[in-house]
Protein backbone atom coordinates (compact mmCIF):
# COMPACT_ATOMS: atom_id res chain seq x y z
CA MET A 1 10.64 -20.46 -5.45
CA PHE A 2 14.07 -21.45 -4.25
CA ARG A 3 15.06 -17.90 -4.26
CA LEU A 4 11.99 -16.85 -2.31
CA ILE A 5 12.35 -19.30 0.62
CA ALA A 6 16.08 -18.37 0.49
CA PHE A 7 14.85 -15.04 1.64
CA PHE A 8 12.43 -15.32 3.56
CA SER A 9 14.46 -18.24 5.73
CA TYR A 10 17.39 -16.08 5.95
CA PHE A 11 15.17 -12.88 6.61
CA VAL A 12 13.26 -14.40 9.77
CA GLY A 13 16.60 -15.91 11.18
CA PHE A 14 18.78 -13.24 10.92
CA LEU A 15 16.63 -11.29 12.52
CA LEU A 16 15.93 -13.68 15.94
CA TYR A 17 20.05 -14.06 15.07
CA SER A 18 20.50 -10.58 16.11
CA ILE A 19 18.28 -10.05 19.27
CA PRO A 20 21.18 -10.26 21.64
CA THR A 21 23.40 -7.58 19.33
CA LEU A 22 19.95 -5.17 19.26
CA SER A 23 19.79 -5.44 22.73
CA LYS A 24 23.96 -4.28 22.77
CA MET A 25 22.65 -1.62 20.65
CA LYS A 26 20.53 -0.32 23.01
CA LYS A 27 22.48 0.05 25.09
CA LEU A 28 25.30 1.51 23.83
CA ASP A 29 27.04 4.68 25.70
CA PRO A 30 25.42 7.84 24.66
CA SER A 31 28.66 9.41 25.24
CA ILE A 32 30.00 7.79 22.06
CA PRO A 33 29.86 10.26 19.51
CA VAL A 34 26.78 10.25 17.26
CA ALA A 35 28.90 9.65 13.50
CA GLN A 36 30.55 6.81 15.66
CA LYS A 37 27.51 4.94 17.22
CA ASN A 38 25.19 5.72 13.67
CA LYS A 39 28.39 3.04 11.90
CA MET A 40 27.98 0.93 14.51
CA ILE A 41 24.66 0.25 14.74
CA HIS A 42 24.46 0.38 10.37
CA GLU A 43 27.10 -2.56 10.46
CA ILE A 44 24.45 -5.47 10.61
CA PRO A 45 21.15 -3.46 8.48
CA ARG A 46 24.81 -3.36 6.34
CA LYS A 47 25.84 -7.04 6.44
CA TRP A 48 21.98 -8.04 6.64
CA SER A 49 21.08 -6.57 3.54
CA GLN A 50 23.78 -7.30 1.63
CA THR A 51 23.74 -10.94 2.36
CA ILE A 52 19.86 -10.73 0.70
CA MET A 53 20.80 -9.23 -2.32
CA LYS A 54 23.37 -12.19 -2.67
CA ILE A 55 20.59 -14.69 -2.05
CA THR A 56 18.54 -13.07 -4.84
CA GLY A 57 21.55 -13.00 -7.56
CA SER A 58 21.31 -9.28 -8.66
CA LYS A 59 24.36 -7.61 -8.89
CA ILE A 60 24.44 -3.82 -8.13
CA ILE A 61 26.21 -1.65 -9.23
CA VAL A 62 26.14 1.85 -7.31
CA GLU A 63 27.56 4.83 -8.81
CA GLY A 64 28.65 8.45 -7.90
CA GLN A 65 28.48 7.82 -4.47
CA GLU A 66 31.80 10.08 -3.52
CA ASN A 67 29.21 13.03 -4.05
CA ILE A 68 27.59 11.97 -0.95
CA PRO A 69 28.42 14.95 1.80
CA ASP A 70 29.78 14.02 5.25
CA GLY A 71 27.02 14.67 7.81
CA PRO A 72 23.53 14.96 8.44
CA VAL A 73 21.34 14.37 5.13
CA VAL A 74 17.97 13.52 4.22
CA ILE A 75 18.10 11.82 1.15
CA VAL A 76 15.58 11.52 -1.59
CA CYS A 77 14.94 8.08 -3.01
CA ASN A 78 12.25 6.87 -5.95
CA HIS A 79 10.59 3.82 -4.79
CA VAL A 80 10.79 0.78 -6.94
CA GLY A 81 10.63 -2.48 -5.15
CA ASP A 82 10.49 -3.75 -1.67
CA PHE A 83 14.03 -4.32 -2.73
CA ASP A 84 15.15 -0.87 -2.95
CA ILE A 85 15.33 -1.17 0.54
CA PRO A 86 18.40 -3.45 1.05
CA VAL A 87 20.46 -2.57 -1.93
CA LEU A 88 20.30 1.09 0.05
CA LEU A 89 21.11 -0.32 3.50
CA GLY A 90 23.67 -2.86 1.47
CA PHE A 91 25.61 -0.72 -1.01
CA VAL A 92 25.35 2.78 0.12
CA ASN A 93 28.70 3.83 2.67
CA LYS A 94 26.71 6.01 4.88
CA PRO A 95 25.38 5.18 7.72
CA PHE A 96 20.81 5.93 7.96
CA GLY A 97 17.60 5.90 8.84
CA PHE A 98 14.19 5.08 7.24
CA ILE A 99 10.89 7.65 7.02
CA SER A 100 8.89 4.46 7.22
CA LYS A 101 4.71 3.67 7.51
CA ILE A 102 3.46 3.55 10.69
CA GLU A 103 2.34 -0.25 10.23
CA VAL A 104 5.91 -1.88 9.38
CA SER A 105 5.98 -0.22 13.70
CA LYS A 106 4.05 -3.20 14.68
CA VAL A 107 6.85 -5.91 13.36
CA PRO A 108 8.64 -7.43 16.18
CA ILE A 109 12.51 -7.33 15.98
CA LEU A 110 12.81 -5.43 13.38
CA SER A 111 10.72 -2.38 14.34
CA SER A 112 13.21 -2.31 17.59
CA TRP A 113 15.90 -1.94 14.94
CA MET A 114 14.61 0.48 12.82
CA LYS A 115 14.26 2.64 16.21
CA VAL A 116 17.58 1.83 17.14
CA MET A 117 18.64 3.27 13.56
CA ASN A 118 16.65 6.62 14.42
CA CYS A 119 14.02 5.39 12.23
CA VAL A 120 10.49 7.40 12.08
CA PHE A 121 7.35 5.83 11.31
CA LEU A 122 4.54 7.66 9.63
CA ASP A 123 0.77 7.59 9.82
CA ARG A 124 -0.50 8.72 6.23
CA LYS A 125 -3.83 8.24 6.98
CA ASP A 126 -3.10 10.37 10.06
CA ARG A 127 -2.32 14.16 9.41
CA ARG A 128 -1.63 15.25 13.02
CA GLN A 129 0.31 12.24 12.97
CA SER A 130 2.34 13.08 9.83
CA VAL A 131 3.25 16.58 11.33
CA ARG A 132 4.66 15.03 14.52
CA ALA A 133 6.31 12.43 12.34
CA ILE A 134 8.22 14.82 9.71
CA LYS A 135 9.21 17.29 12.72
CA GLU A 136 10.24 14.17 14.36
CA ALA A 137 12.76 13.36 11.47
CA ALA A 138 13.60 17.33 11.71
CA ALA A 139 14.90 17.41 15.03
CA SER A 140 16.58 13.69 14.64
CA VAL A 141 18.74 14.89 11.14
CA LYS A 142 19.64 18.66 13.64
CA GLU A 143 21.05 16.01 15.67
CA GLY A 144 22.95 14.17 13.19
CA HIS A 145 20.89 11.08 11.90
CA SER A 146 20.70 10.89 8.51
CA LEU A 147 17.39 10.14 6.86
CA VAL A 148 16.20 8.23 3.77
CA LEU A 149 12.76 9.23 2.68
CA PHE A 150 10.72 7.69 -0.96
CA PRO A 151 8.64 11.27 -1.26
CA GLU A 152 6.56 9.23 -3.81
CA GLY A 153 4.85 7.21 -0.99
CA THR A 154 4.43 4.52 -2.41
CA ARG A 155 6.56 1.85 -4.66
CA SER A 156 6.00 2.06 -8.31
CA LYS A 157 6.48 -1.09 -9.24
CA GLY A 158 8.95 -0.46 -12.09
CA GLY A 159 6.39 2.06 -13.48
CA ALA A 160 6.67 5.59 -14.04
CA VAL A 161 7.58 7.78 -11.07
CA GLY A 162 5.19 9.23 -8.88
CA GLU A 163 4.39 12.77 -8.22
CA PHE A 164 6.86 14.09 -4.68
CA LYS A 165 4.51 14.67 -1.96
CA PRO A 166 6.60 18.00 -0.20
CA GLY A 167 6.62 17.11 3.41
CA GLY A 168 10.28 15.23 2.79
CA PHE A 169 11.20 18.27 1.23
CA ARG A 170 10.43 20.20 5.16
CA ILE A 171 12.31 17.83 7.07
CA ALA A 172 15.27 18.98 5.15
CA ILE A 173 14.93 22.75 5.29
CA ASP A 174 13.85 22.75 9.05
CA ALA A 175 17.21 20.96 9.65
CA ASN A 176 19.14 22.57 7.47
CA ALA A 177 20.26 19.93 5.89
CA PRO A 178 21.71 19.23 1.95
CA ILE A 179 19.47 16.80 0.41
CA VAL A 180 21.21 13.91 -1.70
CA PRO A 181 18.99 12.53 -4.44
CA ILE A 182 19.49 9.22 -4.97
CA SER A 183 17.96 6.98 -8.44
CA ILE A 184 17.17 3.11 -8.29
CA SER A 185 16.16 1.34 -11.49
CA GLY A 186 15.82 -2.47 -11.66
CA THR A 187 14.99 -3.62 -8.53
CA ALA A 188 10.60 -4.56 -9.14
CA ASP A 189 12.96 -7.27 -11.62
CA VAL A 190 14.30 -9.11 -8.35
CA PHE A 191 9.77 -9.20 -6.69
CA GLU A 192 7.28 -7.09 -8.17
CA LYS A 193 7.45 -8.01 -11.90
CA ASN A 194 7.76 -11.59 -11.28
CA ASN A 195 4.78 -12.41 -9.55
CA ARG A 196 6.48 -12.54 -6.05
CA LEU A 197 8.57 -14.29 -6.58
CA VAL A 198 12.41 -13.80 -6.35
CA LEU A 199 14.95 -13.39 -9.49
CA ALA A 200 18.06 -11.85 -9.93
CA CYS A 201 18.65 -8.79 -11.76
CA ASN A 202 21.52 -5.31 -12.39
CA ASN A 203 20.53 -2.51 -10.43
């Protein structure tokens, strides 16, 4: 219970604390090269995510990071649990945004950070909006931004990997960008498998 309270306190507190920095990120000089700008923006979510995982007491093990190519990529990842996102943000050495469900766009401050990070919001219940989102995502990758997507469309909560939806691969094809597969394991042990309490695990 203590870790759960600490997590939510830090989650909310840091978002409020980050508002001045968020304002600065929105006003970055548009002439700054895309890769440099993305690195600057990514630094705050990266530190935030690393601290979140420290609060959980989890040990993060990353392998194969040297295989991620330079330039914009489409990262395709299985979706085990809610803590997949801070693990990716905190421990993958490449700035990126997410393909996220549209409900998250209604969360104050968090959604503003996601927009600055070039995340794309997708409404799975609206086919036309989904098509527009896929086109927006491909255009973003063409501009030099990397994206992470969870093609299962939902969390497996530690179960078997679900069927991949094809829309995400369309992004890589349209943007002519490399696909980088990433496999995550163990994150459901932090939260989903513990009656929504936050417990340590090895990832």
